[in-house]
Amino acid sequence: MRNIESTFMKILPIIENALTTLIDSEGNIPKTGKKPKFSDTKVIALSLAAEFMSIDSENRLFNIIKKSSFFANQGCIERSVYNRRRRNLYHYYGKILDSLSMQLAPGEDTFIIDSLPIEICRFARAKRAKICRDHFETAPTFGFCAAQKNTYFGYKLHATCSVSGVLHQVTISKAHVFDVHYLQDIRDKFSNCILIGDKGYIGHEIQLDLFHKDGIRLFTPKRSNQISAPYPKVFRRLRKRIETLFSQLCDQFMIKRNYAKEFIGLATRIMSKIVALTVAQYQNLFVNYNNINAVKYAF
C-alpha cells in the first residue's frame, strides 16, 4: 500500500539528480543565512509526494505528517514555513521539468500544443471574488472555453508535449489571451520541429514567421471557410496524447481545484502538479521499466 513516506523517499533522489548543479551537499539552494535542517530538495519532494497521492490540502498533509515519526526525524517544518518556502522555490520546479523532460524525450522533433482552462471560482462570484487579485498584471480575467462552450473566470494553462507524452514547456496566462499568442513564447526552446495544434492556433502570418525564422512547421485543422491541404489523420491521433495528459492532471492531480489566495501560490500549485506527473513518468521509465504514462502506479 502506498504511503507518503515511501513515496517521498523515492522522489527525493530524482529531485536531487535534476538539481545537482544548483544545490549544495545538503540539498539546499546556496543563499545567505542559516541552512535549514529540512532542505530545499526535501520541501520540493514533499510537495510532489503529496500531489502524487492527491493530497492537495496542506491542512490534510500536515495532519498526516504530525502522526509520522519518519518526518519528525527528518526535522520537518511548520506548515506556514513550508508554504512560504515552497512558493520561494517556484522557479526551481521549472528547472526540474526542463531537466527531466530532456532525459525522458531526447531528440524528439514533433510536439503537440494545447491549452487548458483554469477556473478559480464560479462565474457568479467572479466580480466580487478577491482571489489572485494581489497585482493587476497577474489578476484573473474572463475567457471562453471552446471545448465546453462556456465563459469562465481565471487563467489558461498553455502546454507543449512530445508525442511520447512528456511535457516540455508550460505557461500560465490570463484567460482572455488567445492560444495563438502562446506561439511567441516557444521560440526560445523549440526550433526545426513540427508543432501540431487545434483551430485556436490558426494564423497564416505566424505560421510563416515560425517557419522562416525558427524552422517550425505548424499544422492545424482548417476552418470550414478555408481552402487548404487536409489535416492528416495521424495528427488527429497524436493530439489525443496531450488531451490524455490534461485528463490525468485533472483527475489524479486535481489541477483545477484551487485553495490559493495569491497568484504565486496558484502558480506553484499548478507547477508542482505538472512536475509530479513528470517525476512519475521518470520513475516508470528508468526505475520501474514500465509504460511511461502509467503514472497512477509509478510509486
C-alpha atoms as a PDB file:
ATOM      1  CA  MET A   1       0.000   0.000   0.000  1.00  0.00           C
ATOM      2  CA  ARG A   2       1.268   3.440  -0.878  1.00  0.00           C
ATOM      3  CA  ASN A   3       2.237   5.816   1.908  1.00  0.00           C
ATOM      4  CA  ILE A   4       3.691   9.281   1.824  1.00  0.00           C
ATOM      5  CA  GLU A   5       6.980   8.276   3.495  1.00  0.00           C
ATOM      6  CA  SER A   6       7.965   5.732   0.843  1.00  0.00           C
ATOM      7  CA  THR A   7       6.778   7.994  -1.994  1.00  0.00           C
ATOM      8  CA  PHE A   8       8.809  10.874  -0.522  1.00  0.00           C
ATOM      9  CA  MET A   9      11.975   8.742  -0.350  1.00  0.00           C
ATOM     10  CA  LYS A  10      11.579   7.602  -3.976  1.00  0.00           C
ATOM     11  CA  ILE A  11      11.033  11.135  -5.266  1.00  0.00           C
ATOM     12  CA  LEU A  12      13.867  12.794  -3.294  1.00  0.00           C
ATOM     13  CA  PRO A  13      16.827  11.320  -5.280  1.00  0.00           C
ATOM     14  CA  ILE A  14      15.107  12.223  -8.563  1.00  0.00           C
ATOM     15  CA  ILE A  15      14.860  15.852  -7.445  1.00  0.00           C
ATOM     16  CA  GLU A  16      18.456  15.898  -6.209  1.00  0.00           C
ATOM     17  CA  ASN A  17      19.626  14.498  -9.536  1.00  0.00           C
ATOM     18  CA  ALA A  18      17.638  17.078 -11.535  1.00  0.00           C
ATOM     19  CA  LEU A  19      19.021  19.979  -9.465  1.00  0.00           C
ATOM     20  CA  THR A  20      22.507  18.560  -8.956  1.00  0.00           C
ATOM     21  CA  THR A  21      24.286  21.667 -10.343  1.00  0.00           C
ATOM     22  CA  LEU A  22      22.139  24.097  -8.330  1.00  0.00           C
ATOM     23  CA  ILE A  23      22.254  22.638  -4.812  1.00  0.00           C
ATOM     24  CA  ASP A  24      24.925  22.055  -2.177  1.00  0.00           C
ATOM     25  CA  SER A  25      25.830  18.773  -0.497  1.00  0.00           C
ATOM     26  CA  GLU A  26      22.908  19.100   1.931  1.00  0.00           C
ATOM     27  CA  GLY A  27      20.291  19.656  -0.778  1.00  0.00           C
ATOM     28  CA  ASN A  28      19.838  23.405  -0.272  1.00  0.00           C
ATOM     29  CA  ILE A  29      19.907  26.216  -2.821  1.00  0.00           C
ATOM     30  CA  PRO A  30      23.000  28.322  -1.904  1.00  0.00           C
ATOM     31  CA  LYS A  31      21.893  31.527  -0.176  1.00  0.00           C
ATOM     32  CA  THR A  32      22.776  33.658   2.801  1.00  0.00           C
ATOM     33  CA  GLY A  33      21.519  32.823   6.275  1.00  0.00           C
ATOM     34  CA  LYS A  34      21.241  29.687   8.361  1.00  0.00           C
ATOM     35  CA  LYS A  35      20.856  26.421   6.486  1.00  0.00           C
ATOM     36  CA  PRO A  36      17.559  24.666   7.285  1.00  0.00           C
ATOM     37  CA  LYS A  37      17.616  21.065   8.509  1.00  0.00           C
ATOM     38  CA  PHE A  38      14.696  20.223   6.217  1.00  0.00           C
ATOM     39  CA  SER A  39      16.424  21.026   2.922  1.00  0.00           C
ATOM     40  CA  ASP A  40      15.002  22.721  -0.164  1.00  0.00           C
ATOM     41  CA  THR A  41      15.001  19.460  -2.108  1.00  0.00           C
ATOM     42  CA  LYS A  42      13.004  17.833   0.717  1.00  0.00           C
ATOM     43  CA  VAL A  43      10.436  20.646   0.568  1.00  0.00           C
ATOM     44  CA  ILE A  44      10.006  20.047  -3.170  1.00  0.00           C
ATOM     45  CA  ALA A  45       9.938  16.258  -2.762  1.00  0.00           C
ATOM     46  CA  LEU A  46       7.298  16.514  -0.019  1.00  0.00           C
ATOM     47  CA  SER A  47       5.082  18.724  -2.171  1.00  0.00           C
ATOM     48  CA  LEU A  48       5.407  16.349  -5.138  1.00  0.00           C
ATOM     49  CA  ALA A  49       4.691  13.289  -2.981  1.00  0.00           C
ATOM     50  CA  ALA A  50       1.539  14.987  -1.683  1.00  0.00           C
ATOM     51  CA  GLU A  51       0.412  15.898  -5.198  1.00  0.00           C
ATOM     52  CA  PHE A  52       1.022  12.367  -6.464  1.00  0.00           C
ATOM     53  CA  MET A  53      -1.138  10.971  -3.667  1.00  0.00           C
ATOM     54  CA  SER A  54      -3.861  13.563  -4.430  1.00  0.00           C
ATOM     55  CA  ILE A  55      -3.307  15.364  -1.115  1.00  0.00           C
ATOM     56  CA  ASP A  56      -3.732  18.930  -2.336  1.00  0.00           C
ATOM     57  CA  SER A  57      -4.843  20.326   1.043  1.00  0.00           C
ATOM     58  CA  GLU A  58      -1.953  21.488   3.230  1.00  0.00           C
ATOM     59  CA  ASN A  59      -4.141  21.076   6.307  1.00  0.00           C
ATOM     60  CA  ARG A  60      -4.660  17.384   5.500  1.00  0.00           C
ATOM     61  CA  LEU A  61      -0.978  16.939   4.589  1.00  0.00           C
ATOM     62  CA  PHE A  62       0.274  18.258   7.920  1.00  0.00           C
ATOM     63  CA  ASN A  63      -2.291  16.256   9.866  1.00  0.00           C
ATOM     64  CA  ILE A  64      -0.683  13.171   8.285  1.00  0.00           C
ATOM     65  CA  ILE A  65       2.867  14.413   8.907  1.00  0.00           C
ATOM     66  CA  LYS A  66       2.238  15.122  12.602  1.00  0.00           C
ATOM     67  CA  LYS A  67       1.446  11.428  13.130  1.00  0.00           C
ATOM     68  CA  SER A  68       4.616  10.295  11.328  1.00  0.00           C
ATOM     69  CA  SER A  69       7.790   9.607  13.303  1.00  0.00           C
ATOM     70  CA  PHE A  70       9.657   9.443   9.968  1.00  0.00           C
ATOM     71  CA  PHE A  71       9.135  13.152   9.227  1.00  0.00           C
ATOM     72  CA  ALA A  72       9.822  14.055  12.847  1.00  0.00           C
ATOM     73  CA  ASN A  73      13.288  12.535  12.429  1.00  0.00           C
ATOM     74  CA  GLN A  74      13.717  14.459   9.169  1.00  0.00           C
ATOM     75  CA  GLY A  75      13.289  17.714  11.058  1.00  0.00           C
ATOM     76  CA  CYS A  76      10.066  18.617   9.290  1.00  0.00           C
ATOM     77  CA  ILE A  77       8.982  22.256   9.265  1.00  0.00           C
ATOM     78  CA  GLU A  78       5.851  24.118  10.289  1.00  0.00           C
ATOM     79  CA  ARG A  79       3.016  24.498   7.810  1.00  0.00           C
ATOM     80  CA  SER A  80       3.439  28.267   7.316  1.00  0.00           C
ATOM     81  CA  VAL A  81       7.192  27.902   6.773  1.00  0.00           C
ATOM     82  CA  TYR A  82       6.585  25.073   4.308  1.00  0.00           C
ATOM     83  CA  ASN A  83       4.087  27.177   2.372  1.00  0.00           C
ATOM     84  CA  ARG A  84       6.440  30.152   2.159  1.00  0.00           C
ATOM     85  CA  ARG A  85       9.497  28.109   1.176  1.00  0.00           C
ATOM     86  CA  ARG A  86       7.578  26.199  -1.486  1.00  0.00           C
ATOM     87  CA  ARG A  87       6.463  29.441  -3.118  1.00  0.00           C
ATOM     88  CA  ASN A  88      10.018  30.798  -2.974  1.00  0.00           C
ATOM     89  CA  LEU A  89      11.186  27.681  -4.869  1.00  0.00           C
ATOM     90  CA  TYR A  90       8.653  28.182  -7.669  1.00  0.00           C
ATOM     91  CA  HIS A  91      11.254  28.774 -10.420  1.00  0.00           C
ATOM     92  CA  TYR A  92      13.127  25.581  -9.498  1.00  0.00           C
ATOM     93  CA  TYR A  93      10.062  23.496 -10.336  1.00  0.00           C
ATOM     94  CA  GLY A  94      10.503  24.710 -13.906  1.00  0.00           C
ATOM     95  CA  LYS A  95      14.183  23.734 -13.867  1.00  0.00           C
ATOM     96  CA  ILE A  96      13.250  20.234 -12.681  1.00  0.00           C
ATOM     97  CA  LEU A  97      10.717  19.956 -15.514  1.00  0.00           C
ATOM     98  CA  ASP A  98      13.353  21.032 -18.060  1.00  0.00           C
ATOM     99  CA  SER A  99      15.914  18.540 -16.740  1.00  0.00           C
ATOM    100  CA  LEU A 100      13.543  15.568 -16.609  1.00  0.00           C
ATOM    101  CA  SER A 101      11.901  16.258 -19.981  1.00  0.00           C
ATOM    102  CA  MET A 102      15.312  16.295 -21.675  1.00  0.00           C
ATOM    103  CA  GLN A 103      16.082  12.873 -20.188  1.00  0.00           C
ATOM    104  CA  LEU A 104      12.654  11.398 -20.906  1.00  0.00           C
ATOM    105  CA  ALA A 105      12.295  12.521 -24.525  1.00  0.00           C
ATOM    106  CA  PRO A 106      15.694  13.437 -26.018  1.00  0.00           C
ATOM    107  CA  GLY A 107      15.935  14.276 -29.699  1.00  0.00           C
ATOM    108  CA  GLU A 108      12.206  14.381 -30.459  1.00  0.00           C
ATOM    109  CA  ASP A 109      11.157  16.779 -33.229  1.00  0.00           C
ATOM    110  CA  THR A 110       7.354  16.530 -33.141  1.00  0.00           C
ATOM    111  CA  PHE A 111       5.316  18.261 -30.431  1.00  0.00           C
ATOM    112  CA  ILE A 112       1.662  18.897 -29.617  1.00  0.00           C
ATOM    113  CA  ILE A 113       0.349  22.199 -28.251  1.00  0.00           C
ATOM    114  CA  ASP A 114      -2.931  22.867 -26.465  1.00  0.00           C
ATOM    115  CA  SER A 115      -4.438  24.858 -23.617  1.00  0.00           C
ATOM    116  CA  LEU A 116      -6.461  24.033 -20.517  1.00  0.00           C
ATOM    117  CA  PRO A 117      -8.841  26.470 -18.752  1.00  0.00           C
ATOM    118  CA  ILE A 118      -8.127  27.003 -15.043  1.00  0.00           C
ATOM    119  CA  GLU A 119     -11.238  28.335 -13.316  1.00  0.00           C
ATOM    120  CA  ILE A 120     -10.585  29.913  -9.911  1.00  0.00           C
ATOM    121  CA  CYS A 121     -14.191  30.493  -8.859  1.00  0.00           C
ATOM    122  CA  ARG A 122     -17.719  30.136 -10.158  1.00  0.00           C
ATOM    123  CA  PHE A 123     -18.874  32.584 -12.827  1.00  0.00           C
ATOM    124  CA  ALA A 124     -21.494  34.098 -10.491  1.00  0.00           C
ATOM    125  CA  ARG A 125     -18.823  35.031  -7.909  1.00  0.00           C
ATOM    126  CA  ALA A 126     -16.282  36.393 -10.394  1.00  0.00           C
ATOM    127  CA  LYS A 127     -16.939  40.122  -9.963  1.00  0.00           C
ATOM    128  CA  ARG A 128     -16.736  40.077  -6.158  1.00  0.00           C
ATOM    129  CA  ALA A 129     -14.021  37.416  -5.744  1.00  0.00           C
ATOM    130  CA  LYS A 130     -10.666  38.674  -4.421  1.00  0.00           C
ATOM    131  CA  ILE A 131      -8.668  35.539  -5.256  1.00  0.00           C
ATOM    132  CA  CYS A 132      -5.338  36.218  -7.026  1.00  0.00           C
ATOM    133  CA  ARG A 133      -6.084  39.937  -7.372  1.00  0.00           C
ATOM    134  CA  ASP A 134      -2.984  40.985  -5.433  1.00  0.00           C
ATOM    135  CA  HIS A 135      -1.433  42.504  -8.604  1.00  0.00           C
ATOM    136  CA  PHE A 136      -3.095  43.821 -11.750  1.00  0.00           C
ATOM    137  CA  GLU A 137      -0.527  42.135 -14.031  1.00  0.00           C
ATOM    138  CA  THR A 138      -1.450  38.683 -12.721  1.00  0.00           C
ATOM    139  CA  ALA A 139      -5.136  39.215 -11.947  1.00  0.00           C
ATOM    140  CA  PRO A 140      -7.599  36.684 -13.440  1.00  0.00           C
ATOM    141  CA  THR A 141      -9.863  37.596 -16.352  1.00  0.00           C
ATOM    142  CA  PHE A 142     -12.860  36.214 -18.218  1.00  0.00           C
ATOM    143  CA  GLY A 143     -12.195  33.736 -21.009  1.00  0.00           C
ATOM    144  CA  PHE A 144     -14.107  31.435 -23.321  1.00  0.00           C
ATOM    145  CA  CYS A 145     -13.575  27.668 -23.468  1.00  0.00           C
ATOM    146  CA  ALA A 146     -14.415  26.445 -26.970  1.00  0.00           C
ATOM    147  CA  ALA A 147     -14.426  22.771 -25.940  1.00  0.00           C
ATOM    148  CA  GLN A 148     -17.043  23.263 -23.207  1.00  0.00           C
ATOM    149  CA  LYS A 149     -18.659  26.256 -24.945  1.00  0.00           C
ATOM    150  CA  ASN A 150     -18.837  28.384 -21.810  1.00  0.00           C
ATOM    151  CA  THR A 151     -17.306  31.516 -20.324  1.00  0.00           C
ATOM    152  CA  TYR A 152     -15.182  31.136 -17.200  1.00  0.00           C
ATOM    153  CA  PHE A 153     -13.148  33.326 -14.828  1.00  0.00           C
ATOM    154  CA  GLY A 154      -9.497  32.541 -14.189  1.00  0.00           C
ATOM    155  CA  TYR A 155      -6.451  31.598 -16.221  1.00  0.00           C
ATOM    156  CA  LYS A 156      -5.327  29.445 -19.110  1.00  0.00           C
ATOM    157  CA  LEU A 157      -2.585  26.817 -18.983  1.00  0.00           C
ATOM    158  CA  HIS A 158      -0.656  26.564 -22.260  1.00  0.00           C
ATOM    159  CA  ALA A 159       1.371  23.381 -22.683  1.00  0.00           C
ATOM    160  CA  THR A 160       3.647  21.695 -25.210  1.00  0.00           C
ATOM    161  CA  CYS A 161       4.296  17.953 -25.036  1.00  0.00           C
ATOM    162  CA  SER A 162       6.159  15.402 -27.128  1.00  0.00           C
ATOM    163  CA  VAL A 163       4.412  12.574 -28.963  1.00  0.00           C
ATOM    164  CA  SER A 164       5.536  10.217 -26.175  1.00  0.00           C
ATOM    165  CA  GLY A 165       3.540  12.275 -23.662  1.00  0.00           C
ATOM    166  CA  VAL A 166       6.279  14.305 -21.911  1.00  0.00           C
ATOM    167  CA  LEU A 167       5.519  17.938 -21.121  1.00  0.00           C
ATOM    168  CA  HIS A 168       8.353  20.233 -22.222  1.00  0.00           C
ATOM    169  CA  GLN A 169       7.021  23.718 -21.618  1.00  0.00           C
ATOM    170  CA  VAL A 170       4.087  25.203 -19.735  1.00  0.00           C
ATOM    171  CA  THR A 171       2.930  28.790 -19.385  1.00  0.00           C
ATOM    172  CA  ILE A 172       0.105  30.340 -17.378  1.00  0.00           C
ATOM    173  CA  SER A 173      -1.681  33.304 -18.937  1.00  0.00           C
ATOM    174  CA  LYS A 174      -4.836  35.270 -18.309  1.00  0.00           C
ATOM    175  CA  ALA A 175      -7.986  33.576 -19.554  1.00  0.00           C
ATOM    176  CA  HIS A 176      -8.709  36.119 -22.310  1.00  0.00           C
ATOM    177  CA  VAL A 177      -5.363  35.525 -24.083  1.00  0.00           C
ATOM    178  CA  PHE A 178      -5.843  33.694 -27.385  1.00  0.00           C
ATOM    179  CA  ASP A 179      -3.976  30.429 -27.888  1.00  0.00           C
ATOM    180  CA  VAL A 180      -2.153  31.708 -30.960  1.00  0.00           C
ATOM    181  CA  HIS A 181      -0.235  34.253 -28.845  1.00  0.00           C
ATOM    182  CA  TYR A 182       1.419  31.382 -26.941  1.00  0.00           C
ATOM    183  CA  LEU A 183       3.378  30.565 -30.105  1.00  0.00           C
ATOM    184  CA  GLN A 184       5.581  33.590 -29.426  1.00  0.00           C
ATOM    185  CA  ASP A 185       6.728  32.018 -26.133  1.00  0.00           C
ATOM    186  CA  ILE A 186       8.043  28.779 -27.641  1.00  0.00           C
ATOM    187  CA  ARG A 187      10.789  30.296 -29.805  1.00  0.00           C
ATOM    188  CA  ASP A 188      13.427  30.102 -27.066  1.00  0.00           C
ATOM    189  CA  LYS A 189      13.035  26.352 -26.583  1.00  0.00           C
ATOM    190  CA  PHE A 190      11.877  24.925 -29.925  1.00  0.00           C
ATOM    191  CA  SER A 191      13.306  25.124 -33.430  1.00  0.00           C
ATOM    192  CA  ASN A 192      13.438  22.951 -36.557  1.00  0.00           C
ATOM    193  CA  CYS A 193      10.497  20.848 -35.431  1.00  0.00           C
ATOM    194  CA  ILE A 194       6.837  20.083 -36.138  1.00  0.00           C
ATOM    195  CA  LEU A 195       4.044  21.537 -34.000  1.00  0.00           C
ATOM    196  CA  ILE A 196       0.532  20.081 -34.026  1.00  0.00           C
ATOM    197  CA  GLY A 197      -2.295  22.280 -32.754  1.00  0.00           C
ATOM    198  CA  ASP A 198      -6.028  22.780 -32.965  1.00  0.00           C
ATOM    199  CA  LYS A 199      -8.031  25.567 -34.619  1.00  0.00           C
ATOM    200  CA  GLY A 200      -7.063  28.003 -31.874  1.00  0.00           C
ATOM    201  CA  TYR A 201      -3.572  28.242 -33.368  1.00  0.00           C
ATOM    202  CA  ILE A 202      -4.635  29.110 -36.917  1.00  0.00           C
ATOM    203  CA  GLY A 203      -2.765  32.152 -38.183  1.00  0.00           C
ATOM    204  CA  HIS A 204      -1.206  32.430 -41.631  1.00  0.00           C
ATOM    205  CA  GLU A 205       1.279  35.152 -40.696  1.00  0.00           C
ATOM    206  CA  ILE A 206       2.501  33.469 -37.512  1.00  0.00           C
ATOM    207  CA  GLN A 207       2.856  30.140 -39.331  1.00  0.00           C
ATOM    208  CA  LEU A 208       5.068  31.722 -41.979  1.00  0.00           C
ATOM    209  CA  ASP A 209       7.061  33.624 -39.360  1.00  0.00           C
ATOM    210  CA  LEU A 210       7.731  30.472 -37.302  1.00  0.00           C
ATOM    211  CA  PHE A 211       8.803  28.553 -40.403  1.00  0.00           C
ATOM    212  CA  HIS A 212      11.159  31.171 -41.861  1.00  0.00           C
ATOM    213  CA  LYS A 213      12.787  32.341 -38.598  1.00  0.00           C
ATOM    214  CA  ASP A 214      12.815  29.175 -36.470  1.00  0.00           C
ATOM    215  CA  GLY A 215      12.211  26.297 -38.873  1.00  0.00           C
ATOM    216  CA  ILE A 216       8.994  25.363 -37.032  1.00  0.00           C
ATOM    217  CA  ARG A 217       6.252  23.781 -39.147  1.00  0.00           C
ATOM    218  CA  LEU A 218       2.840  24.357 -37.560  1.00  0.00           C
ATOM    219  CA  PHE A 219      -0.045  22.109 -38.598  1.00  0.00           C
ATOM    220  CA  THR A 220      -3.643  22.930 -37.652  1.00  0.00           C
ATOM    221  CA  PRO A 221      -7.036  21.701 -38.933  1.00  0.00           C
ATOM    222  CA  LYS A 222      -8.714  24.046 -41.384  1.00  0.00           C
ATOM    223  CA  ARG A 223     -11.855  26.041 -40.728  1.00  0.00           C
ATOM    224  CA  SER A 224     -14.979  25.446 -42.786  1.00  0.00           C
ATOM    225  CA  ASN A 225     -14.366  28.590 -44.874  1.00  0.00           C
ATOM    226  CA  GLN A 226     -10.708  27.782 -45.617  1.00  0.00           C
ATOM    227  CA  ILE A 227      -9.225  26.148 -48.679  1.00  0.00           C
ATOM    228  CA  SER A 228      -6.050  24.338 -47.678  1.00  0.00           C
ATOM    229  CA  ALA A 229      -4.444  20.913 -47.504  1.00  0.00           C
ATOM    230  CA  PRO A 230      -6.435  18.341 -45.480  1.00  0.00           C
ATOM    231  CA  TYR A 231      -5.416  17.733 -41.868  1.00  0.00           C
ATOM    232  CA  PRO A 232      -3.668  14.304 -41.754  1.00  0.00           C
ATOM    233  CA  LYS A 233      -5.458  11.657 -39.686  1.00  0.00           C
ATOM    234  CA  VAL A 234      -2.210  10.793 -37.906  1.00  0.00           C
ATOM    235  CA  PHE A 235      -2.164  14.304 -36.419  1.00  0.00           C
ATOM    236  CA  ARG A 236      -5.675  13.819 -35.044  1.00  0.00           C
ATOM    237  CA  ARG A 237      -4.478  10.660 -33.298  1.00  0.00           C
ATOM    238  CA  LEU A 238      -1.319  12.317 -31.947  1.00  0.00           C
ATOM    239  CA  ARG A 239      -3.292  15.231 -30.497  1.00  0.00           C
ATOM    240  CA  LYS A 240      -5.076  12.821 -28.161  1.00  0.00           C
ATOM    241  CA  ARG A 241      -1.801  12.420 -26.281  1.00  0.00           C
ATOM    242  CA  ILE A 242      -1.918  15.913 -24.757  1.00  0.00           C
ATOM    243  CA  GLU A 243      -5.640  15.555 -24.066  1.00  0.00           C
ATOM    244  CA  THR A 244      -4.851  12.407 -22.078  1.00  0.00           C
ATOM    245  CA  LEU A 245      -2.215  14.331 -20.102  1.00  0.00           C
ATOM    246  CA  PHE A 246      -4.755  17.034 -19.293  1.00  0.00           C
ATOM    247  CA  SER A 247      -7.191  14.340 -18.136  1.00  0.00           C
ATOM    248  CA  GLN A 248      -4.535  12.874 -15.809  1.00  0.00           C
ATOM    249  CA  LEU A 249      -3.782  16.327 -14.402  1.00  0.00           C
ATOM    250  CA  CYS A 250      -7.490  16.964 -13.802  1.00  0.00           C
ATOM    251  CA  ASP A 251      -8.385  13.568 -12.350  1.00  0.00           C
ATOM    252  CA  GLN A 252      -5.409  12.337 -10.299  1.00  0.00           C
ATOM    253  CA  PHE A 253      -3.647  15.643  -9.645  1.00  0.00           C
ATOM    254  CA  MET A 254      -6.796  17.796  -9.417  1.00  0.00           C
ATOM    255  CA  ILE A 255      -5.194  20.717 -11.223  1.00  0.00           C
ATOM    256  CA  LYS A 256      -8.475  22.628 -11.397  1.00  0.00           C
ATOM    257  CA  ARG A 257      -9.032  22.573  -7.631  1.00  0.00           C
ATOM    258  CA  ASN A 258      -7.798  25.812  -6.123  1.00  0.00           C
ATOM    259  CA  TYR A 259      -7.035  26.687  -2.499  1.00  0.00           C
ATOM    260  CA  ALA A 260      -4.597  29.533  -3.214  1.00  0.00           C
ATOM    261  CA  LYS A 261      -5.350  33.173  -2.430  1.00  0.00           C
ATOM    262  CA  GLU A 262      -2.436  34.745  -4.353  1.00  0.00           C
ATOM    263  CA  PHE A 263      -1.246  34.146  -7.896  1.00  0.00           C
ATOM    264  CA  ILE A 264       2.214  32.895  -6.857  1.00  0.00           C
ATOM    265  CA  GLY A 265       0.524  30.296  -4.671  1.00  0.00           C
ATOM    266  CA  LEU A 266      -1.730  29.187  -7.525  1.00  0.00           C
ATOM    267  CA  ALA A 267       1.189  29.051  -9.985  1.00  0.00           C
ATOM    268  CA  THR A 268       3.258  26.998  -7.540  1.00  0.00           C
ATOM    269  CA  ARG A 269       0.419  24.511  -7.037  1.00  0.00           C
ATOM    270  CA  ILE A 270      -0.059  24.109 -10.791  1.00  0.00           C
ATOM    271  CA  MET A 271       3.684  23.642 -11.423  1.00  0.00           C
ATOM    272  CA  SER A 272       4.035  21.133  -8.596  1.00  0.00           C
ATOM    273  CA  LYS A 273       1.224  19.018 -10.070  1.00  0.00           C
ATOM    274  CA  ILE A 274       2.834  19.096 -13.529  1.00  0.00           C
ATOM    275  CA  VAL A 275       6.274  18.217 -12.157  1.00  0.00           C
ATOM    276  CA  ALA A 276       4.755  15.420 -10.018  1.00  0.00           C
ATOM    277  CA  LEU A 277       3.319  13.871 -13.187  1.00  0.00           C
ATOM    278  CA  THR A 278       6.705  14.166 -14.953  1.00  0.00           C
ATOM    279  CA  VAL A 279       8.538  12.637 -11.966  1.00  0.00           C
ATOM    280  CA  ALA A 280       6.103   9.689 -12.097  1.00  0.00           C
ATOM    281  CA  GLN A 281       6.944   9.248 -15.793  1.00  0.00           C
ATOM    282  CA  TYR A 282      10.658   9.305 -14.914  1.00  0.00           C
ATOM    283  CA  GLN A 283      10.111   6.656 -12.236  1.00  0.00           C
ATOM    284  CA  ASN A 284       8.252   4.446 -14.715  1.00  0.00           C
ATOM    285  CA  LEU A 285      10.881   4.704 -17.450  1.00  0.00           C
ATOM    286  CA  PHE A 286      14.157   4.496 -15.520  1.00  0.00           C
ATOM    287  CA  VAL A 287      13.237   2.615 -12.334  1.00  0.00           C
ATOM    288  CA  ASN A 288      10.125   0.508 -12.954  1.00  0.00           C
ATOM    289  CA  TYR A 289      10.857  -0.132 -16.663  1.00  0.00           C
ATOM    290  CA  ASN A 290       7.142   0.228 -17.229  1.00  0.00           C
ATOM    291  CA  ASN A 291       4.840   2.157 -19.545  1.00  0.00           C
ATOM    292  CA  ILE A 292       5.872   5.775 -19.179  1.00  0.00           C
ATOM    293  CA  ASN A 293       2.301   7.045 -18.939  1.00  0.00           C
ATOM    294  CA  ALA A 294       1.034   4.591 -16.288  1.00  0.00           C
ATOM    295  CA  VAL A 295       1.568   7.349 -13.736  1.00  0.00           C
ATOM    296  CA  LYS A 296      -1.049   6.158 -11.259  1.00  0.00           C
ATOM    297  CA  TYR A 297       1.093   3.118 -10.385  1.00  0.00           C
ATOM    298  CA  ALA A 298       4.549   4.733 -10.602  1.00  0.00           C
ATOM    299  CA  PHE A 299       5.262   4.700  -6.845  1.00  0.00           C
END
